[in-house]
Amino acid sequence: MKKYILNILAVLCVSASSICADAMPSQDQAFATERLENETATVSPVSTGISLSVKADKTERFYIFSITGQLVKTVDVEAGSVQSVELPRGCYIVKCSYWSKKVMVK
């Protein structure tokens, strides 16, 4: 039963992200991309998990939550560096002091 509910949540997660991306006008997409490039902390999916980077002058703490809300990992990334975090396949919510973002590891 638990696996069935998690599969439904994963499908809803993917559906919601594609609907939001399709609903955004092209000029807003350009603004969103520019804004993301100027952020001091970023997250991006990689083949084995996620990559966290910090462009600021101080260490940033990232919290990685499962889609069910459980804290999976806490990662401190040094200023001006990039760190990879290995995660199993699934949807995650990554939070730092600036933002919270949903990331899908495939």
C-alpha atoms as a PDB file:
ATOM      1  CA  MET A   1       0.000   0.000   0.000  1.00  0.00           C
ATOM      2  CA  LYS A   2       2.837   2.370   0.891  1.00  0.00           C
ATOM      3  CA  LYS A   3       4.564   1.781  -2.481  1.00  0.00           C
ATOM      4  CA  TYR A   4       1.265   2.427  -4.268  1.00  0.00           C
ATOM      5  CA  ILE A   5       0.817   5.783  -2.499  1.00  0.00           C
ATOM      6  CA  LEU A   6       4.447   6.779  -3.192  1.00  0.00           C
ATOM      7  CA  ASN A   7       3.990   5.947  -6.896  1.00  0.00           C
ATOM      8  CA  ILE A   8       0.878   8.125  -7.035  1.00  0.00           C
ATOM      9  CA  LEU A   9       2.740  10.993  -5.345  1.00  0.00           C
ATOM     10  CA  ALA A  10       5.630  10.655  -7.818  1.00  0.00           C
ATOM     11  CA  VAL A  11       3.215  10.801 -10.780  1.00  0.00           C
ATOM     12  CA  LEU A  12       1.501  13.863  -9.307  1.00  0.00           C
ATOM     13  CA  CYS A  13       4.900  15.466  -8.761  1.00  0.00           C
ATOM     14  CA  VAL A  14       5.869  14.996 -12.416  1.00  0.00           C
ATOM     15  CA  SER A  15       2.453  16.121 -13.673  1.00  0.00           C
ATOM     16  CA  ALA A  16       2.482  19.287 -11.589  1.00  0.00           C
ATOM     17  CA  SER A  17       5.957  20.283 -12.756  1.00  0.00           C
ATOM     18  CA  SER A  18       5.093  19.816 -16.435  1.00  0.00           C
ATOM     19  CA  ILE A  19       1.825  21.760 -16.065  1.00  0.00           C
ATOM     20  CA  CYS A  20       3.631  24.658 -14.365  1.00  0.00           C
ATOM     21  CA  ALA A  21       6.337  24.718 -17.047  1.00  0.00           C
ATOM     22  CA  ASP A  22       3.766  24.727 -19.868  1.00  0.00           C
ATOM     23  CA  ALA A  23       1.707  27.501 -18.271  1.00  0.00           C
ATOM     24  CA  MET A  24       4.615  29.944 -17.983  1.00  0.00           C
ATOM     25  CA  PRO A  25       4.912  32.444 -20.889  1.00  0.00           C
ATOM     26  CA  SER A  26       8.224  32.566 -22.752  1.00  0.00           C
ATOM     27  CA  GLN A  27       9.285  36.007 -21.462  1.00  0.00           C
ATOM     28  CA  ASP A  28       8.761  34.783 -17.887  1.00  0.00           C
ATOM     29  CA  GLN A  29      10.861  31.704 -18.642  1.00  0.00           C
ATOM     30  CA  ALA A  30      13.752  33.925 -19.716  1.00  0.00           C
ATOM     31  CA  PHE A  31      13.389  35.956 -16.503  1.00  0.00           C
ATOM     32  CA  ALA A  32      13.238  32.791 -14.379  1.00  0.00           C
ATOM     33  CA  THR A  33      16.392  31.417 -16.031  1.00  0.00           C
ATOM     34  CA  GLU A  34      18.237  34.690 -15.510  1.00  0.00           C
ATOM     35  CA  ARG A  35      17.137  34.847 -11.889  1.00  0.00           C
ATOM     36  CA  LEU A  36      18.309  31.256 -11.275  1.00  0.00           C
ATOM     37  CA  GLU A  37      21.730  31.998 -12.779  1.00  0.00           C
ATOM     38  CA  ASN A  38      22.195  34.891 -10.343  1.00  0.00           C
ATOM     39  CA  GLU A  39      21.296  32.885  -7.232  1.00  0.00           C
ATOM     40  CA  THR A  40      24.011  32.300  -4.684  1.00  0.00           C
ATOM     41  CA  ALA A  41      22.995  28.673  -4.062  1.00  0.00           C
ATOM     42  CA  THR A  42      21.885  26.230  -6.763  1.00  0.00           C
ATOM     43  CA  VAL A  43      20.755  22.633  -7.082  1.00  0.00           C
ATOM     44  CA  SER A  44      20.747  20.476 -10.213  1.00  0.00           C
ATOM     45  CA  PRO A  45      20.054  16.797 -10.863  1.00  0.00           C
ATOM     46  CA  VAL A  46      22.919  14.545 -11.957  1.00  0.00           C
ATOM     47  CA  SER A  47      22.936  10.855 -12.885  1.00  0.00           C
ATOM     48  CA  THR A  48      23.651   9.617  -9.346  1.00  0.00           C
ATOM     49  CA  GLY A  49      21.696  12.192  -7.324  1.00  0.00           C
ATOM     50  CA  ILE A  50      22.002  15.979  -7.108  1.00  0.00           C
ATOM     51  CA  SER A  51      24.710  18.602  -7.322  1.00  0.00           C
ATOM     52  CA  LEU A  52      24.719  21.511  -4.846  1.00  0.00           C
ATOM     53  CA  SER A  53      26.753  24.653  -5.434  1.00  0.00           C
ATOM     54  CA  VAL A  54      27.345  27.861  -3.478  1.00  0.00           C
ATOM     55  CA  LYS A  55      28.582  31.091  -5.054  1.00  0.00           C
ATOM     56  CA  ALA A  56      28.290  33.168  -1.857  1.00  0.00           C
ATOM     57  CA  ASP A  57      31.027  34.088   0.622  1.00  0.00           C
ATOM     58  CA  LYS A  58      29.763  31.785   3.369  1.00  0.00           C
ATOM     59  CA  THR A  59      28.983  28.103   3.863  1.00  0.00           C
ATOM     60  CA  GLU A  60      25.386  27.174   3.035  1.00  0.00           C
ATOM     61  CA  ARG A  61      23.396  24.378   4.686  1.00  0.00           C
ATOM     62  CA  PHE A  62      21.056  22.374   2.464  1.00  0.00           C
ATOM     63  CA  TYR A  63      18.234  20.194   3.782  1.00  0.00           C
ATOM     64  CA  ILE A  64      17.063  17.339   1.542  1.00  0.00           C
ATOM     65  CA  PHE A  65      13.566  15.988   2.224  1.00  0.00           C
ATOM     66  CA  SER A  66      11.769  13.023   0.689  1.00  0.00           C
ATOM     67  CA  ILE A  67       8.448  13.718  -1.001  1.00  0.00           C
ATOM     68  CA  THR A  68       6.761  12.386   2.167  1.00  0.00           C
ATOM     69  CA  GLY A  69       8.434  15.109   4.239  1.00  0.00           C
ATOM     70  CA  GLN A  70      11.115  13.030   5.964  1.00  0.00           C
ATOM     71  CA  LEU A  71      14.529  14.645   6.322  1.00  0.00           C
ATOM     72  CA  VAL A  72      16.884  12.502   4.209  1.00  0.00           C
ATOM     73  CA  LYS A  73      20.163  14.428   4.502  1.00  0.00           C
ATOM     74  CA  THR A  74      21.653  17.678   5.733  1.00  0.00           C
ATOM     75  CA  VAL A  75      24.627  18.884   3.694  1.00  0.00           C
ATOM     76  CA  ASP A  76      26.966  21.824   4.348  1.00  0.00           C
ATOM     77  CA  VAL A  77      28.588  23.203   1.185  1.00  0.00           C
ATOM     78  CA  GLU A  78      31.625  25.449   1.504  1.00  0.00           C
ATOM     79  CA  ALA A  79      31.578  28.903  -0.091  1.00  0.00           C
ATOM     80  CA  GLY A  80      32.526  28.841  -3.773  1.00  0.00           C
ATOM     81  CA  SER A  81      32.343  25.072  -4.129  1.00  0.00           C
ATOM     82  CA  VAL A  82      30.201  22.310  -5.630  1.00  0.00           C
ATOM     83  CA  GLN A  83      29.237  19.086  -3.860  1.00  0.00           C
ATOM     84  CA  SER A  84      27.522  15.986  -5.235  1.00  0.00           C
ATOM     85  CA  VAL A  85      25.041  14.078  -3.102  1.00  0.00           C
ATOM     86  CA  GLU A  86      24.144  10.494  -4.028  1.00  0.00           C
ATOM     87  CA  LEU A  87      20.418   9.800  -3.747  1.00  0.00           C
ATOM     88  CA  PRO A  88      18.162   6.959  -4.857  1.00  0.00           C
ATOM     89  CA  ARG A  89      15.713   7.579  -7.670  1.00  0.00           C
ATOM     90  CA  GLY A  90      12.695   9.702  -6.673  1.00  0.00           C
ATOM     91  CA  CYS A  91      11.318  13.172  -5.910  1.00  0.00           C
ATOM     92  CA  TYR A  92      13.025  15.354  -3.315  1.00  0.00           C
ATOM     93  CA  ILE A  93      12.577  18.806  -1.869  1.00  0.00           C
ATOM     94  CA  VAL A  94      15.837  20.683  -1.351  1.00  0.00           C
ATOM     95  CA  LYS A  95      15.780  23.668   1.000  1.00  0.00           C
ATOM     96  CA  CYS A  96      18.403  26.271   1.814  1.00  0.00           C
ATOM     97  CA  SER A  97      18.166  29.699   3.439  1.00  0.00           C
ATOM     98  CA  TYR A  98      17.216  31.345   0.108  1.00  0.00           C
ATOM     99  CA  TRP A  99      14.714  28.937  -1.462  1.00  0.00           C
ATOM    100  CA  SER A 100      13.022  25.538  -1.533  1.00  0.00           C
ATOM    101  CA  LYS A 101      12.961  23.527  -4.770  1.00  0.00           C
ATOM    102  CA  LYS A 102      11.625  20.222  -5.978  1.00  0.00           C
ATOM    103  CA  VAL A 103      14.183  17.969  -7.682  1.00  0.00           C
ATOM    104  CA  MET A 104      13.574  14.677  -9.440  1.00  0.00           C
ATOM    105  CA  VAL A 105      16.394  12.120  -9.513  1.00  0.00           C
ATOM    106  CA  LYS A 106      15.951   9.718 -12.442  1.00  0.00           C
END
